[in-house]
Amino acid sequence: SPNISMGWRGKRDLAGEGVMADLGGHLYDLARWYFGEVKEVAAQGTTHIPIRQLQNGQTETVDVIDSSNCLVVFENGAQGSFQTSFINLSRNMFIRVELHGSQGAILYDLEMKKDMLHTRLSYKRLNDESELVWEENTQSFSSIIDRLCAGFIQGINGIKTSIPDLHDGYRGQAFIEAASRSLHSRKWEPLEDRFVNDNISSRTSTNNLE
């Protein structure tokens, strides 16, 4: 909502490129899970509401991007687009991922209401209008954070886990940095990989979608 404070998310020195970094990193991680590594990215973004009129009568200056679009090309040749926004008034925190292939599409929805996260994974077959649901789930946001923190500690202790590891986090940051360069250069930018420890594995190499 334009009359609710963005807090630290609205300050460039704390939040970087705004919604492109905040939500774009999550979309990249989901896309990478299904399609593998991204080769290059072209990004565009803007600040639609630079001055927010808050409910308490005060104003707040926003100097980060509050709406962005990214085009990506994966190393396997697949193409994708990420759209992110802090100013969509139609829903609460909402993420939708659509994966389209030769035989149909996989659809993933996530919506947060208060402290509860509702997720839905479904698919549509080619030439079939019906949507088949694989899985629906509701859980508290705090329980997810607890599980992620536990997995992070296990990873530090050398215990293999399906939860994203440091290499996954590094790749996410590489995407955000490439998107940021593209935003300012107005050109396609490659993802730079300066990760030199080949002994650290990534979830991507062990995915099994069967």
Protein backbone atom coordinates (compact mmCIF):
# COMPACT_ATOMS: atom_id res chain seq x y z
CA SER A 1 0.00 0.00 0.00
CA PRO A 2 1.36 3.49 -0.87
CA ASN A 3 0.50 4.85 2.60
CA ILE A 4 2.37 2.19 4.58
CA SER A 5 6.04 2.70 5.48
CA MET A 6 8.55 0.55 3.60
CA GLY A 7 11.00 0.84 6.48
CA TRP A 8 14.55 -0.23 5.61
CA ARG A 9 13.32 -1.71 2.31
CA GLY A 10 12.80 1.82 0.99
CA LYS A 11 16.37 2.97 1.68
CA ARG A 12 18.98 2.31 -1.00
CA ASP A 13 21.93 2.25 1.42
CA LEU A 14 20.26 -0.68 3.25
CA ALA A 15 18.19 -2.39 0.54
CA GLY A 16 20.31 -1.95 -2.61
CA GLU A 17 18.17 -2.21 -5.74
CA GLY A 18 14.89 -2.52 -3.86
CA VAL A 19 12.26 -4.99 -5.05
CA MET A 20 14.52 -6.35 -7.81
CA ALA A 21 16.97 -7.59 -5.18
CA ASP A 22 14.41 -8.39 -2.47
CA LEU A 23 11.91 -10.50 -4.44
CA GLY A 24 13.92 -11.02 -7.64
CA GLY A 25 16.44 -13.12 -5.73
CA HIS A 26 13.66 -15.48 -4.62
CA LEU A 27 12.28 -15.82 -8.15
CA TYR A 28 15.77 -16.52 -9.47
CA ASP A 29 16.28 -19.24 -6.86
CA LEU A 30 12.99 -20.93 -7.81
CA ALA A 31 13.76 -20.71 -11.54
CA ARG A 32 17.28 -22.05 -11.01
CA TRP A 33 15.84 -25.01 -9.08
CA TYR A 34 13.85 -26.05 -12.16
CA PHE A 35 15.96 -24.85 -15.10
CA GLY A 36 19.55 -24.61 -13.88
CA GLU A 37 21.98 -21.72 -14.15
CA VAL A 38 21.17 -18.35 -15.71
CA LYS A 39 23.61 -17.16 -18.36
CA GLU A 40 22.65 -13.49 -18.72
CA VAL A 41 20.03 -10.97 -17.66
CA ALA A 42 18.49 -7.72 -18.92
CA ALA A 43 16.78 -5.62 -16.23
CA GLN A 44 14.51 -2.59 -16.08
CA GLY A 45 13.08 -0.89 -13.02
CA THR A 46 11.56 2.32 -11.73
CA THR A 47 10.30 4.03 -8.58
CA HIS A 48 6.61 4.73 -9.05
CA ILE A 49 5.99 6.16 -5.56
CA PRO A 50 9.09 8.17 -4.50
CA ILE A 51 7.18 10.00 -1.73
CA ARG A 52 4.83 7.99 0.47
CA GLN A 53 2.05 9.74 2.39
CA LEU A 54 1.84 7.66 5.55
CA GLN A 55 -1.27 7.05 7.62
CA ASN A 56 0.14 9.06 10.51
CA GLY A 57 0.33 12.17 8.33
CA GLN A 58 4.09 12.02 7.83
CA THR A 59 5.90 11.52 4.51
CA GLU A 60 8.60 9.01 3.61
CA THR A 61 11.12 9.30 0.81
CA VAL A 62 11.78 6.08 -1.13
CA ASP A 63 14.98 5.90 -3.20
CA VAL A 64 14.84 2.26 -4.30
CA ILE A 65 13.12 0.51 -7.21
CA ASP A 66 9.55 -0.46 -6.33
CA SER A 67 8.75 -2.22 -9.63
CA SER A 68 11.05 -4.20 -11.94
CA ASN A 69 11.20 -6.55 -14.91
CA CYS A 70 14.04 -8.92 -15.76
CA LEU A 71 14.55 -11.00 -18.89
CA VAL A 72 16.86 -13.99 -18.44
CA VAL A 73 18.51 -16.59 -20.66
CA PHE A 74 19.47 -19.90 -19.06
CA GLU A 75 22.59 -21.83 -19.96
CA ASN A 76 20.41 -24.59 -21.46
CA GLY A 77 18.80 -22.10 -23.86
CA ALA A 78 15.51 -21.61 -21.99
CA GLN A 79 14.21 -18.05 -21.63
CA GLY A 80 12.34 -16.46 -18.75
CA SER A 81 10.97 -13.22 -17.34
CA PHE A 82 10.70 -12.04 -13.72
CA GLN A 83 8.23 -9.33 -12.69
CA THR A 84 8.38 -7.92 -9.15
CA SER A 85 6.50 -5.11 -7.42
CA PHE A 86 6.13 -3.46 -4.02
CA ILE A 87 3.07 -1.50 -5.19
CA ASN A 88 0.58 -4.20 -6.24
CA LEU A 89 -2.58 -3.43 -4.26
CA SER A 90 -4.59 -6.49 -5.36
CA ARG A 91 -2.96 -9.07 -3.07
CA ASN A 92 -0.80 -9.56 -0.02
CA MET A 93 2.72 -10.98 -0.47
CA PHE A 94 2.22 -13.16 -3.54
CA ILE A 95 4.55 -15.14 -5.80
CA ARG A 96 3.50 -17.03 -8.92
CA VAL A 97 5.90 -19.09 -11.03
CA GLU A 98 4.89 -20.56 -14.39
CA LEU A 99 7.15 -23.10 -16.11
CA HIS A 100 6.08 -23.79 -19.71
CA GLY A 101 7.39 -26.75 -21.69
CA SER A 102 6.54 -28.82 -24.76
CA GLN A 103 4.06 -31.07 -22.91
CA GLY A 104 2.38 -28.58 -20.61
CA ALA A 105 3.07 -26.20 -17.73
CA ILE A 106 3.93 -26.35 -14.00
CA LEU A 107 2.31 -23.66 -11.84
CA TYR A 108 3.50 -22.64 -8.37
CA ASP A 109 1.63 -20.13 -6.18
CA LEU A 110 2.66 -18.72 -2.80
CA GLU A 111 0.67 -16.20 -0.79
CA MET A 112 1.27 -14.91 2.72
CA LYS A 113 -1.63 -13.82 4.94
CA LYS A 114 -0.50 -12.54 8.31
CA ASP A 115 1.98 -15.20 9.52
CA MET A 116 0.63 -18.04 7.35
CA LEU A 117 2.09 -19.10 4.00
CA HIS A 118 -0.21 -20.86 1.56
CA THR A 119 1.43 -22.73 -1.33
CA ARG A 120 -0.02 -24.61 -4.29
CA LEU A 121 1.78 -26.69 -6.92
CA SER A 122 -0.18 -27.77 -9.99
CA TYR A 123 0.23 -28.54 -13.67
CA LYS A 124 -1.63 -28.37 -16.96
CA ARG A 125 -1.16 -30.88 -19.76
CA LEU A 126 -0.94 -29.88 -23.41
CA ASN A 127 -4.41 -29.39 -24.97
CA ASP A 128 -6.12 -29.87 -21.60
CA GLU A 129 -7.85 -26.90 -19.96
CA SER A 130 -8.10 -28.57 -16.53
CA GLU A 131 -5.53 -27.80 -13.81
CA LEU A 132 -4.32 -30.80 -11.79
CA VAL A 133 -3.11 -30.10 -8.26
CA TRP A 134 -0.02 -31.94 -7.04
CA GLU A 135 0.20 -30.45 -3.60
CA GLU A 136 -1.31 -27.73 -1.39
CA ASN A 137 0.20 -26.69 1.90
CA THR A 138 -0.27 -24.12 4.67
CA GLN A 139 2.35 -23.41 7.33
CA SER A 140 3.51 -20.55 9.48
CA PHE A 141 6.23 -18.25 8.21
CA SER A 142 8.06 -18.52 11.54
CA SER A 143 8.27 -22.34 11.24
CA ILE A 144 9.87 -21.97 7.80
CA ILE A 145 12.48 -19.55 9.16
CA ASP A 146 13.23 -21.99 12.01
CA ARG A 147 13.79 -24.79 9.50
CA LEU A 148 16.02 -22.64 7.28
CA CYS A 149 18.14 -21.57 10.25
CA ALA A 150 18.51 -25.19 11.38
CA GLY A 151 19.57 -26.20 7.87
CA PHE A 152 22.08 -23.35 7.71
CA ILE A 153 23.70 -24.50 10.96
CA GLN A 154 23.77 -28.10 9.70
CA GLY A 155 25.48 -26.94 6.51
CA ILE A 156 28.17 -25.12 8.51
CA ASN A 157 28.74 -28.36 10.43
CA GLY A 158 29.20 -30.29 7.19
CA ILE A 159 25.83 -32.05 7.24
CA LYS A 160 24.34 -32.34 3.75
CA THR A 161 20.87 -30.84 3.47
CA SER A 162 18.34 -30.06 0.74
CA ILE A 163 18.01 -26.54 2.13
CA PRO A 164 19.90 -23.90 0.06
CA ASP A 165 23.60 -23.77 0.89
CA LEU A 166 26.22 -21.03 0.68
CA HIS A 167 26.84 -21.71 -3.01
CA ASP A 168 23.14 -21.22 -3.75
CA GLY A 169 23.25 -17.93 -1.86
CA TYR A 170 26.31 -16.89 -3.81
CA ARG A 171 24.60 -17.63 -7.13
CA GLY A 172 21.58 -15.60 -6.03
CA GLN A 173 23.83 -12.65 -5.23
CA ALA A 174 25.56 -13.03 -8.62
CA PHE A 175 22.15 -12.72 -10.29
CA ILE A 176 21.26 -9.59 -8.28
CA GLU A 177 24.60 -7.98 -9.15
CA ALA A 178 24.20 -8.79 -12.87
CA ALA A 179 20.66 -7.39 -12.85
CA SER A 180 21.92 -4.25 -11.11
CA ARG A 181 24.64 -3.77 -13.74
CA SER A 182 22.07 -4.23 -16.50
CA LEU A 183 19.75 -1.71 -14.86
CA HIS A 184 22.41 0.98 -15.18
CA SER A 185 24.12 -0.10 -18.42
CA ARG A 186 20.77 -0.80 -20.17
CA LYS A 187 22.41 -3.87 -21.76
CA TRP A 188 22.38 -7.64 -21.33
CA GLU A 189 24.82 -8.56 -18.55
CA PRO A 190 26.37 -12.00 -17.85
CA LEU A 191 26.35 -13.62 -14.44
CA GLU A 192 29.90 -13.55 -13.14
CA ASP A 193 31.05 -16.69 -11.34
CA ARG A 194 34.01 -16.11 -9.06
CA PHE A 195 33.23 -19.17 -6.93
CA VAL A 196 36.39 -21.26 -7.06
CA ASN A 197 35.72 -24.07 -4.57
CA ASP A 198 34.50 -26.94 -6.78
CA ASN A 199 34.11 -29.18 -3.72
CA ILE A 200 31.04 -27.26 -2.53
CA SER A 201 28.03 -28.79 -4.24
CA SER A 202 24.85 -27.09 -5.35
CA ARG A 203 21.27 -28.28 -5.12
CA THR A 204 20.90 -27.72 -8.84
CA SER A 205 23.17 -30.60 -9.75
CA THR A 206 21.15 -33.10 -7.71
CA ASN A 207 17.61 -32.12 -8.70
CA ASN A 208 15.25 -34.90 -9.72
CA LEU A 209 11.89 -33.81 -11.10
CA GLU A 210 10.63 -37.32 -11.88
